[in-house]
Amino acid sequence: AVVSTQSTGTVATSLLTYVMAVDAHWTYTCINKGYDVFSDNSTRTGKCSASGINEDQAKSTAFCHRPNNEVADNNFTDIGCGPCPKGTTNATCLPCPAWNSTSNKDNSNCNKWAPPIFTYNCYRGGVSIRCNNGSGTQLKDIHCWGLKQTYIKNNLKANLTQSGCGTCEEAHAADPTAGWKLDDCTTCNINNCNGAKKMTSFLTLVATLWFII
């Protein structure tokens, strides 16, 4: 077969362009997470790589991403190398450049982890109500206070039967003349956990764990 010089040159140019297109790499790091997505206990960094026809282009494509944890009840939890996955928006995922083109400095680990926030409800007077004005709060700050079953039986008209959002300590401090003591109250830490049936189950679990311990 006869191959013209022009054809040979075109192939060579194409091959050279391909080699150049994948020849430049820039290595950086992003924060990623282990199994614990609710605290910073498993925060670590991972190596990432971006590529381009030259280092400048590689750096321009280097990104990290993290969940937008200023949005309550965000189901997106992925954090690590690269831009946000397709199908996500700024309402769920936030990207950041790993190279600062203004200062020409490495901006690795720009995706600082932040704890997620949640909306939650507690029972008050038998009705589930939204706590904290519906704004998000960290998982560690979700608290409902409620009555102990033995106290209900002896004090059916007591204010404690209302229960509500927050801890027993907060509720008692807000109304110290309500007629009940802190020992009469129990705090639980799950959405709507202070309903009558749920509180009974919660107290049973606590008693069981105490017995096992």
C-alpha atoms as a PDB file:
ATOM      1  CA  ALA A   1       0.000   0.000   0.000  1.00  0.00           C
ATOM      2  CA  VAL A   2       1.143   3.498  -0.769  1.00  0.00           C
ATOM      3  CA  VAL A   3       0.698   6.147   1.877  1.00  0.00           C
ATOM      4  CA  SER A   4       1.185   9.734   0.844  1.00  0.00           C
ATOM      5  CA  THR A   5       3.501  12.005   2.747  1.00  0.00           C
ATOM      6  CA  GLN A   6       0.550  14.259   3.494  1.00  0.00           C
ATOM      7  CA  SER A   7      -1.437  11.352   4.967  1.00  0.00           C
ATOM      8  CA  THR A   8       1.558  10.263   7.021  1.00  0.00           C
ATOM      9  CA  GLY A   9       1.982  13.791   8.340  1.00  0.00           C
ATOM     10  CA  THR A  10      -1.686  14.005   9.277  1.00  0.00           C
ATOM     11  CA  VAL A  11      -1.520  10.732  11.212  1.00  0.00           C
ATOM     12  CA  ALA A  12       1.663  11.810  12.955  1.00  0.00           C
ATOM     13  CA  THR A  13       0.112  15.139  13.900  1.00  0.00           C
ATOM     14  CA  SER A  14      -2.980  13.405  15.248  1.00  0.00           C
ATOM     15  CA  LEU A  15      -0.885  11.015  17.316  1.00  0.00           C
ATOM     16  CA  LEU A  16       1.215  13.865  18.661  1.00  0.00           C
ATOM     17  CA  THR A  17      -1.925  15.827  19.554  1.00  0.00           C
ATOM     18  CA  TYR A  18      -3.338  12.783  21.360  1.00  0.00           C
ATOM     19  CA  VAL A  19      -0.116  12.266  23.286  1.00  0.00           C
ATOM     20  CA  MET A  20      -0.035  15.938  24.256  1.00  0.00           C
ATOM     21  CA  ALA A  21      -3.688  15.850  25.270  1.00  0.00           C
ATOM     22  CA  VAL A  22      -2.991  13.245  27.932  1.00  0.00           C
ATOM     23  CA  ASP A  23       0.641  14.146  28.612  1.00  0.00           C
ATOM     24  CA  ALA A  24       0.198  16.846  31.256  1.00  0.00           C
ATOM     25  CA  HIS A  25      -1.018  15.821  34.701  1.00  0.00           C
ATOM     26  CA  TRP A  26      -1.295  17.759  37.924  1.00  0.00           C
ATOM     27  CA  THR A  27      -1.623  16.005  41.266  1.00  0.00           C
ATOM     28  CA  TYR A  28      -3.480  17.522  44.196  1.00  0.00           C
ATOM     29  CA  THR A  29      -5.491  16.409  47.221  1.00  0.00           C
ATOM     30  CA  CYS A  30      -9.092  16.724  48.348  1.00  0.00           C
ATOM     31  CA  ILE A  31     -10.760  15.981  51.650  1.00  0.00           C
ATOM     32  CA  ASN A  32     -12.790  12.798  51.663  1.00  0.00           C
ATOM     33  CA  LYS A  33     -14.663  10.877  54.316  1.00  0.00           C
ATOM     34  CA  GLY A  34     -14.744   7.419  55.821  1.00  0.00           C
ATOM     35  CA  TYR A  35     -17.837   5.641  57.039  1.00  0.00           C
ATOM     36  CA  ASP A  36     -18.752   8.358  59.543  1.00  0.00           C
ATOM     37  CA  VAL A  37     -20.529  11.088  57.549  1.00  0.00           C
ATOM     38  CA  PHE A  38     -21.949  12.822  60.631  1.00  0.00           C
ATOM     39  CA  SER A  39     -18.763  13.924  62.381  1.00  0.00           C
ATOM     40  CA  ASP A  40     -15.208  14.874  61.483  1.00  0.00           C
ATOM     41  CA  ASN A  41     -13.761  11.769  63.154  1.00  0.00           C
ATOM     42  CA  SER A  42     -13.094  10.041  59.839  1.00  0.00           C
ATOM     43  CA  THR A  43     -12.041  13.085  57.814  1.00  0.00           C
ATOM     44  CA  ARG A  44      -8.972  12.410  55.711  1.00  0.00           C
ATOM     45  CA  THR A  45      -7.391  13.507  52.428  1.00  0.00           C
ATOM     46  CA  GLY A  46      -7.095  11.598  49.175  1.00  0.00           C
ATOM     47  CA  LYS A  47      -4.817  12.029  46.160  1.00  0.00           C
ATOM     48  CA  CYS A  48      -6.426  13.366  42.984  1.00  0.00           C
ATOM     49  CA  SER A  49      -5.164  13.980  39.448  1.00  0.00           C
ATOM     50  CA  ALA A  50      -6.234  16.313  36.649  1.00  0.00           C
ATOM     51  CA  SER A  51      -5.000  16.207  33.055  1.00  0.00           C
ATOM     52  CA  GLY A  52      -4.773  18.489  30.022  1.00  0.00           C
ATOM     53  CA  ILE A  53      -2.626  19.427  27.064  1.00  0.00           C
ATOM     54  CA  ASN A  54      -0.394  21.366  29.461  1.00  0.00           C
ATOM     55  CA  GLU A  55      -0.074  21.881  33.192  1.00  0.00           C
ATOM     56  CA  ASP A  56      -2.062  25.122  33.185  1.00  0.00           C
ATOM     57  CA  GLN A  57      -5.026  23.417  31.559  1.00  0.00           C
ATOM     58  CA  ALA A  58      -4.715  20.467  33.925  1.00  0.00           C
ATOM     59  CA  LYS A  59      -4.811  22.810  36.908  1.00  0.00           C
ATOM     60  CA  SER A  60      -7.875  24.588  35.492  1.00  0.00           C
ATOM     61  CA  THR A  61      -9.791  21.296  35.514  1.00  0.00           C
ATOM     62  CA  ALA A  62      -8.777  20.327  39.063  1.00  0.00           C
ATOM     63  CA  PHE A  63     -11.708  20.460  41.462  1.00  0.00           C
ATOM     64  CA  CYS A  64     -12.884  19.072  44.781  1.00  0.00           C
ATOM     65  CA  HIS A  65     -16.509  18.791  45.897  1.00  0.00           C
ATOM     66  CA  ARG A  66     -18.516  18.441  49.102  1.00  0.00           C
ATOM     67  CA  PRO A  67     -22.150  18.366  50.234  1.00  0.00           C
ATOM     68  CA  ASN A  68     -23.879  21.716  50.691  1.00  0.00           C
ATOM     69  CA  ASN A  69     -24.403  21.330  54.410  1.00  0.00           C
ATOM     70  CA  GLU A  70     -26.002  24.728  54.765  1.00  0.00           C
ATOM     71  CA  VAL A  71     -29.104  23.098  53.285  1.00  0.00           C
ATOM     72  CA  ALA A  72     -31.125  21.104  55.810  1.00  0.00           C
ATOM     73  CA  ASP A  73     -31.900  17.441  55.125  1.00  0.00           C
ATOM     74  CA  ASN A  74     -29.478  17.198  52.198  1.00  0.00           C
ATOM     75  CA  ASN A  75     -29.356  13.574  51.030  1.00  0.00           C
ATOM     76  CA  PHE A  76     -26.139  14.126  49.063  1.00  0.00           C
ATOM     77  CA  THR A  77     -23.190  13.037  51.220  1.00  0.00           C
ATOM     78  CA  ASP A  78     -20.335  12.415  48.757  1.00  0.00           C
ATOM     79  CA  ILE A  79     -17.120  14.367  49.276  1.00  0.00           C
ATOM     80  CA  GLY A  80     -13.825  14.073  47.417  1.00  0.00           C
ATOM     81  CA  CYS A  81     -11.996  14.583  44.109  1.00  0.00           C
ATOM     82  CA  GLY A  82     -13.397  16.210  40.997  1.00  0.00           C
ATOM     83  CA  PRO A  83     -16.339  18.490  40.254  1.00  0.00           C
ATOM     84  CA  CYS A  84     -19.843  17.720  41.485  1.00  0.00           C
ATOM     85  CA  PRO A  85     -21.381  14.630  39.864  1.00  0.00           C
ATOM     86  CA  LYS A  86     -23.796  15.113  36.997  1.00  0.00           C
ATOM     87  CA  GLY A  87     -27.367  15.652  38.091  1.00  0.00           C
ATOM     88  CA  THR A  88     -26.448  17.631  41.212  1.00  0.00           C
ATOM     89  CA  THR A  89     -26.972  21.354  41.804  1.00  0.00           C
ATOM     90  CA  ASN A  90     -25.565  23.900  44.247  1.00  0.00           C
ATOM     91  CA  ALA A  91     -28.502  23.056  46.457  1.00  0.00           C
ATOM     92  CA  THR A  92     -26.929  19.657  47.117  1.00  0.00           C
ATOM     93  CA  CYS A  93     -23.260  19.782  46.079  1.00  0.00           C
ATOM     94  CA  LEU A  94     -20.591  22.514  46.122  1.00  0.00           C
ATOM     95  CA  PRO A  95     -17.456  22.368  43.914  1.00  0.00           C
ATOM     96  CA  CYS A  96     -14.265  24.330  44.531  1.00  0.00           C
ATOM     97  CA  PRO A  97     -11.099  24.815  42.399  1.00  0.00           C
ATOM     98  CA  ALA A  98      -8.026  23.008  43.692  1.00  0.00           C
ATOM     99  CA  TRP A  99      -5.794  25.589  42.013  1.00  0.00           C
ATOM    100  CA  ASN A 100      -6.190  29.300  42.777  1.00  0.00           C
ATOM    101  CA  SER A 101      -5.666  30.959  39.387  1.00  0.00           C
ATOM    102  CA  THR A 102      -5.643  34.432  40.954  1.00  0.00           C
ATOM    103  CA  SER A 103      -2.814  33.847  43.403  1.00  0.00           C
ATOM    104  CA  ASN A 104      -1.282  30.966  41.408  1.00  0.00           C
ATOM    105  CA  LYS A 105      -1.218  28.821  44.527  1.00  0.00           C
ATOM    106  CA  ASP A 106      -2.220  25.276  45.338  1.00  0.00           C
ATOM    107  CA  ASN A 107      -5.720  25.247  46.812  1.00  0.00           C
ATOM    108  CA  SER A 108      -5.836  21.539  47.659  1.00  0.00           C
ATOM    109  CA  ASN A 109      -8.316  20.397  50.316  1.00  0.00           C
ATOM    110  CA  CYS A 110     -10.585  23.330  49.511  1.00  0.00           C
ATOM    111  CA  ASN A 111     -13.666  21.201  50.192  1.00  0.00           C
ATOM    112  CA  LYS A 112     -13.652  21.657  53.955  1.00  0.00           C
ATOM    113  CA  TRP A 113     -16.093  19.293  55.614  1.00  0.00           C
ATOM    114  CA  ALA A 114     -19.020  20.739  57.564  1.00  0.00           C
ATOM    115  CA  PRO A 115     -21.507  18.761  59.653  1.00  0.00           C
ATOM    116  CA  PRO A 116     -24.924  18.230  58.016  1.00  0.00           C
ATOM    117  CA  ILE A 117     -27.990  19.918  59.455  1.00  0.00           C
ATOM    118  CA  PHE A 118     -31.500  18.551  59.834  1.00  0.00           C
ATOM    119  CA  THR A 119     -34.999  19.714  60.561  1.00  0.00           C
ATOM    120  CA  TYR A 120     -36.795  17.771  63.254  1.00  0.00           C
ATOM    121  CA  ASN A 121     -40.056  17.531  65.192  1.00  0.00           C
ATOM    122  CA  CYS A 122     -41.008  16.784  68.774  1.00  0.00           C
ATOM    123  CA  TYR A 123     -44.370  16.080  70.368  1.00  0.00           C
ATOM    124  CA  ARG A 124     -46.050  18.760  72.447  1.00  0.00           C
ATOM    125  CA  GLY A 125     -49.423  18.014  73.964  1.00  0.00           C
ATOM    126  CA  GLY A 126     -49.780  14.945  71.746  1.00  0.00           C
ATOM    127  CA  VAL A 127     -49.130  16.924  68.537  1.00  0.00           C
ATOM    128  CA  SER A 128     -45.942  16.753  66.489  1.00  0.00           C
ATOM    129  CA  ILE A 129     -44.491  20.257  66.052  1.00  0.00           C
ATOM    130  CA  ARG A 130     -41.532  21.569  64.066  1.00  0.00           C
ATOM    131  CA  CYS A 131     -38.623  22.603  66.292  1.00  0.00           C
ATOM    132  CA  ASN A 132     -36.103  25.411  65.896  1.00  0.00           C
ATOM    133  CA  ASN A 133     -38.468  27.333  63.599  1.00  0.00           C
ATOM    134  CA  GLY A 134     -37.880  24.726  60.919  1.00  0.00           C
ATOM    135  CA  SER A 135     -34.248  25.724  60.376  1.00  0.00           C
ATOM    136  CA  GLY A 136     -31.585  23.048  60.306  1.00  0.00           C
ATOM    137  CA  THR A 137     -29.583  21.924  63.295  1.00  0.00           C
ATOM    138  CA  GLN A 138     -26.714  19.497  63.735  1.00  0.00           C
ATOM    139  CA  LEU A 139     -27.522  15.902  64.598  1.00  0.00           C
ATOM    140  CA  LYS A 140     -25.933  16.297  68.031  1.00  0.00           C
ATOM    141  CA  ASP A 141     -28.357  19.136  68.808  1.00  0.00           C
ATOM    142  CA  ILE A 142     -31.596  17.237  68.118  1.00  0.00           C
ATOM    143  CA  HIS A 143     -33.363  16.872  71.472  1.00  0.00           C
ATOM    144  CA  CYS A 144     -36.921  16.304  72.663  1.00  0.00           C
ATOM    145  CA  TRP A 145     -37.932  16.294  76.304  1.00  0.00           C
ATOM    146  CA  GLY A 146     -40.751  14.219  77.717  1.00  0.00           C
ATOM    147  CA  LEU A 147     -42.372  12.733  80.741  1.00  0.00           C
ATOM    148  CA  LYS A 148     -41.526   9.598  82.575  1.00  0.00           C
ATOM    149  CA  GLN A 149     -44.437   7.184  82.663  1.00  0.00           C
ATOM    150  CA  THR A 150     -44.382   6.897  86.465  1.00  0.00           C
ATOM    151  CA  TYR A 151     -44.675  10.675  86.765  1.00  0.00           C
ATOM    152  CA  ILE A 152     -47.643  10.831  84.397  1.00  0.00           C
ATOM    153  CA  LYS A 153     -49.621   8.366  86.466  1.00  0.00           C
ATOM    154  CA  ASN A 154     -49.200  10.442  89.603  1.00  0.00           C
ATOM    155  CA  ASN A 155     -49.424  13.912  88.040  1.00  0.00           C
ATOM    156  CA  LEU A 156     -51.882  13.830  85.148  1.00  0.00           C
ATOM    157  CA  LYS A 157     -52.392  17.601  85.240  1.00  0.00           C
ATOM    158  CA  ALA A 158     -48.733  18.533  85.448  1.00  0.00           C
ATOM    159  CA  ASN A 159     -47.173  20.741  82.795  1.00  0.00           C
ATOM    160  CA  LEU A 160     -44.656  18.008  82.096  1.00  0.00           C
ATOM    161  CA  THR A 161     -47.334  16.110  80.182  1.00  0.00           C
ATOM    162  CA  GLN A 162     -47.012  18.755  77.465  1.00  0.00           C
ATOM    163  CA  SER A 163     -43.401  17.805  76.611  1.00  0.00           C
ATOM    164  CA  GLY A 164     -41.683  19.591  73.712  1.00  0.00           C
ATOM    165  CA  CYS A 165     -38.517  20.568  71.863  1.00  0.00           C
ATOM    166  CA  GLY A 166     -35.105  20.717  73.523  1.00  0.00           C
ATOM    167  CA  THR A 167     -33.692  19.128  76.645  1.00  0.00           C
ATOM    168  CA  CYS A 168     -35.189  18.663  80.093  1.00  0.00           C
ATOM    169  CA  GLU A 169     -32.696  21.189  81.431  1.00  0.00           C
ATOM    170  CA  GLU A 170     -33.803  23.811  78.902  1.00  0.00           C
ATOM    171  CA  ALA A 171     -37.482  23.185  79.599  1.00  0.00           C
ATOM    172  CA  HIS A 172     -36.989  23.380  83.362  1.00  0.00           C
ATOM    173  CA  ALA A 173     -34.929  26.570  83.084  1.00  0.00           C
ATOM    174  CA  ALA A 174     -37.683  28.158  80.968  1.00  0.00           C
ATOM    175  CA  ASP A 175     -40.345  27.330  83.569  1.00  0.00           C
ATOM    176  CA  PRO A 176     -38.726  26.531  86.948  1.00  0.00           C
ATOM    177  CA  THR A 177     -42.050  26.818  88.815  1.00  0.00           C
ATOM    178  CA  ALA A 178     -43.806  24.174  86.701  1.00  0.00           C
ATOM    179  CA  GLY A 179     -43.868  21.799  89.660  1.00  0.00           C
ATOM    180  CA  TRP A 180     -41.629  19.027  88.373  1.00  0.00           C
ATOM    181  CA  LYS A 181     -37.970  18.157  88.920  1.00  0.00           C
ATOM    182  CA  LEU A 182     -35.313  17.196  86.439  1.00  0.00           C
ATOM    183  CA  ASP A 183     -35.497  13.633  87.742  1.00  0.00           C
ATOM    184  CA  ASP A 184     -39.087  13.494  86.470  1.00  0.00           C
ATOM    185  CA  CYS A 185     -38.032  14.199  82.889  1.00  0.00           C
ATOM    186  CA  THR A 186     -36.222  12.332  80.117  1.00  0.00           C
ATOM    187  CA  THR A 187     -34.450  13.732  77.055  1.00  0.00           C
ATOM    188  CA  CYS A 188     -34.278  11.732  73.824  1.00  0.00           C
ATOM    189  CA  ASN A 189     -32.346  12.573  70.683  1.00  0.00           C
ATOM    190  CA  ILE A 190     -34.336  11.369  67.650  1.00  0.00           C
ATOM    191  CA  ASN A 191     -37.015  12.997  65.521  1.00  0.00           C
ATOM    192  CA  ASN A 192     -40.427  12.786  67.283  1.00  0.00           C
ATOM    193  CA  CYS A 193     -38.957  10.527  69.960  1.00  0.00           C
ATOM    194  CA  ASN A 194     -41.031  11.939  72.824  1.00  0.00           C
ATOM    195  CA  GLY A 195     -44.443  10.666  71.761  1.00  0.00           C
ATOM    196  CA  ALA A 196     -46.129   8.590  74.475  1.00  0.00           C
ATOM    197  CA  LYS A 197     -45.473   5.225  72.781  1.00  0.00           C
ATOM    198  CA  LYS A 198     -42.008   6.157  71.560  1.00  0.00           C
ATOM    199  CA  MET A 199     -40.996   7.539  74.935  1.00  0.00           C
ATOM    200  CA  THR A 200     -42.067   4.295  76.595  1.00  0.00           C
ATOM    201  CA  SER A 201     -39.951   2.317  74.113  1.00  0.00           C
ATOM    202  CA  PHE A 202     -37.058   4.722  74.619  1.00  0.00           C
ATOM    203  CA  LEU A 203     -37.172   4.366  78.395  1.00  0.00           C
ATOM    204  CA  THR A 204     -37.419   0.580  78.096  1.00  0.00           C
ATOM    205  CA  LEU A 205     -34.324   0.575  75.888  1.00  0.00           C
ATOM    206  CA  VAL A 206     -32.424   2.774  78.340  1.00  0.00           C
ATOM    207  CA  ALA A 207     -33.406   0.502  81.235  1.00  0.00           C
ATOM    208  CA  THR A 208     -32.331  -2.585  79.280  1.00  0.00           C
ATOM    209  CA  LEU A 209     -28.961  -1.090  78.380  1.00  0.00           C
ATOM    210  CA  TRP A 210     -28.425  -0.014  81.992  1.00  0.00           C
ATOM    211  CA  PHE A 211     -29.199  -3.563  83.165  1.00  0.00           C
ATOM    212  CA  ILE A 212     -26.767  -5.037  80.619  1.00  0.00           C
ATOM    213  CA  ILE A 213     -24.044  -2.594  81.612  1.00  0.00           C
END
